[in-house]
Amino acid sequence: MLLSWEKDEQCGLDVQTPTPEYKWNNLGGLYQSFYEQYGILTLKQQEEELTKLVRIHLFYKVKL
């Protein structure tokens, strides 16, 4: 989520926090969406996914 904020800001887009679908008064729903998206992954798989996303973000940032 943080990486998407950074990417959108770099592209000159309006950043909506925390997300367009969730507002600050509904963080419970946002947390639940994290569990649904990542809860089936092992900790190692989650770490690998995060590393992959960070590398993609850094590559994209260097390209700008």
C-alpha atoms as a PDB file:
ATOM      1  CA  MET A   1       0.000   0.000   0.000  1.00  0.00           C
ATOM      2  CA  LEU A   2       2.797   2.412   0.884  1.00  0.00           C
ATOM      3  CA  LEU A   3       4.585   1.577  -2.336  1.00  0.00           C
ATOM      4  CA  SER A   4       1.447   2.329  -4.337  1.00  0.00           C
ATOM      5  CA  TRP A   5       1.165   5.731  -2.631  1.00  0.00           C
ATOM      6  CA  GLU A   6       4.763   6.491  -3.577  1.00  0.00           C
ATOM      7  CA  LYS A   7       4.276   5.316  -7.169  1.00  0.00           C
ATOM      8  CA  ASP A   8       1.078   7.318  -7.635  1.00  0.00           C
ATOM      9  CA  GLU A   9       2.689  10.432  -6.191  1.00  0.00           C
ATOM     10  CA  GLN A  10       5.714  10.023  -8.472  1.00  0.00           C
ATOM     11  CA  CYS A  11       3.329   9.824 -11.447  1.00  0.00           C
ATOM     12  CA  GLY A  12       1.575  13.008 -10.362  1.00  0.00           C
ATOM     13  CA  LEU A  13      -1.626  11.194  -9.416  1.00  0.00           C
ATOM     14  CA  ASP A  14      -3.860  12.104  -6.501  1.00  0.00           C
ATOM     15  CA  VAL A  15      -2.995   9.751  -3.634  1.00  0.00           C
ATOM     16  CA  GLN A  16      -5.995   8.498  -1.696  1.00  0.00           C
ATOM     17  CA  THR A  17      -5.156   7.222   1.762  1.00  0.00           C
ATOM     18  CA  PRO A  18      -5.485   4.691   3.091  1.00  0.00           C
ATOM     19  CA  THR A  19      -7.129   3.392  -0.142  1.00  0.00           C
ATOM     20  CA  PRO A  20      -9.976   4.470  -2.429  1.00  0.00           C
ATOM     21  CA  GLU A  21     -12.076   1.563  -1.095  1.00  0.00           C
ATOM     22  CA  TYR A  22     -11.389   2.113   2.630  1.00  0.00           C
ATOM     23  CA  LYS A  23     -11.490   5.272   4.702  1.00  0.00           C
ATOM     24  CA  TRP A  24      -9.723   5.920   8.001  1.00  0.00           C
ATOM     25  CA  ASN A  25     -12.874   5.068   9.966  1.00  0.00           C
ATOM     26  CA  ASN A  26     -12.966   1.573   8.386  1.00  0.00           C
ATOM     27  CA  LEU A  27      -9.470   0.254   9.012  1.00  0.00           C
ATOM     28  CA  GLY A  28     -10.958  -2.998  10.321  1.00  0.00           C
ATOM     29  CA  GLY A  29     -12.226  -3.736   6.816  1.00  0.00           C
ATOM     30  CA  LEU A  30      -8.825  -2.888   5.368  1.00  0.00           C
ATOM     31  CA  TYR A  31      -7.079  -5.209   7.826  1.00  0.00           C
ATOM     32  CA  GLN A  32      -9.543  -7.968   6.952  1.00  0.00           C
ATOM     33  CA  SER A  33      -8.701  -7.531   3.269  1.00  0.00           C
ATOM     34  CA  PHE A  34      -5.015  -8.035   4.155  1.00  0.00           C
ATOM     35  CA  TYR A  35      -5.867 -11.287   5.944  1.00  0.00           C
ATOM     36  CA  GLU A  36      -7.898 -12.475   2.957  1.00  0.00           C
ATOM     37  CA  GLN A  37      -5.160 -11.569   0.483  1.00  0.00           C
ATOM     38  CA  TYR A  38      -2.081 -12.717   2.402  1.00  0.00           C
ATOM     39  CA  GLY A  39      -3.396 -15.031   5.131  1.00  0.00           C
ATOM     40  CA  ILE A  40      -3.019 -18.163   3.020  1.00  0.00           C
ATOM     41  CA  LEU A  41       0.687 -17.469   2.473  1.00  0.00           C
ATOM     42  CA  THR A  42       3.420 -18.633   4.816  1.00  0.00           C
ATOM     43  CA  LEU A  43       5.588 -16.014   6.471  1.00  0.00           C
ATOM     44  CA  LYS A  44       8.386 -16.902   4.047  1.00  0.00           C
ATOM     45  CA  GLN A  45       6.049 -16.458   1.058  1.00  0.00           C
ATOM     46  CA  GLN A  46       4.887 -13.098   2.416  1.00  0.00           C
ATOM     47  CA  GLU A  47       8.507 -12.009   2.818  1.00  0.00           C
ATOM     48  CA  GLU A  48       9.302 -13.075  -0.757  1.00  0.00           C
ATOM     49  CA  GLU A  49       6.259 -11.213  -2.097  1.00  0.00           C
ATOM     50  CA  LEU A  50       7.248  -8.049  -0.232  1.00  0.00           C
ATOM     51  CA  THR A  51      10.840  -8.298  -1.477  1.00  0.00           C
ATOM     52  CA  LYS A  52       9.580  -8.712  -5.053  1.00  0.00           C
ATOM     53  CA  LEU A  53       7.308  -5.677  -4.784  1.00  0.00           C
ATOM     54  CA  VAL A  54      10.058  -3.518  -3.287  1.00  0.00           C
ATOM     55  CA  ARG A  55      12.466  -4.517  -6.059  1.00  0.00           C
ATOM     56  CA  ILE A  56       9.875  -3.690  -8.716  1.00  0.00           C
ATOM     57  CA  HIS A  57       9.246  -0.338  -7.041  1.00  0.00           C
ATOM     58  CA  LEU A  58      12.961   0.476  -6.834  1.00  0.00           C
ATOM     59  CA  PHE A  59      13.466  -0.514 -10.475  1.00  0.00           C
ATOM     60  CA  TYR A  60      10.551   1.688 -11.505  1.00  0.00           C
ATOM     61  CA  LYS A  61      11.888   4.592  -9.431  1.00  0.00           C
ATOM     62  CA  VAL A  62      15.340   4.352 -11.039  1.00  0.00           C
ATOM     63  CA  LYS A  63      13.704   4.418 -14.492  1.00  0.00           C
ATOM     64  CA  LEU A  64      12.100   7.794 -13.705  1.00  0.00           C
END
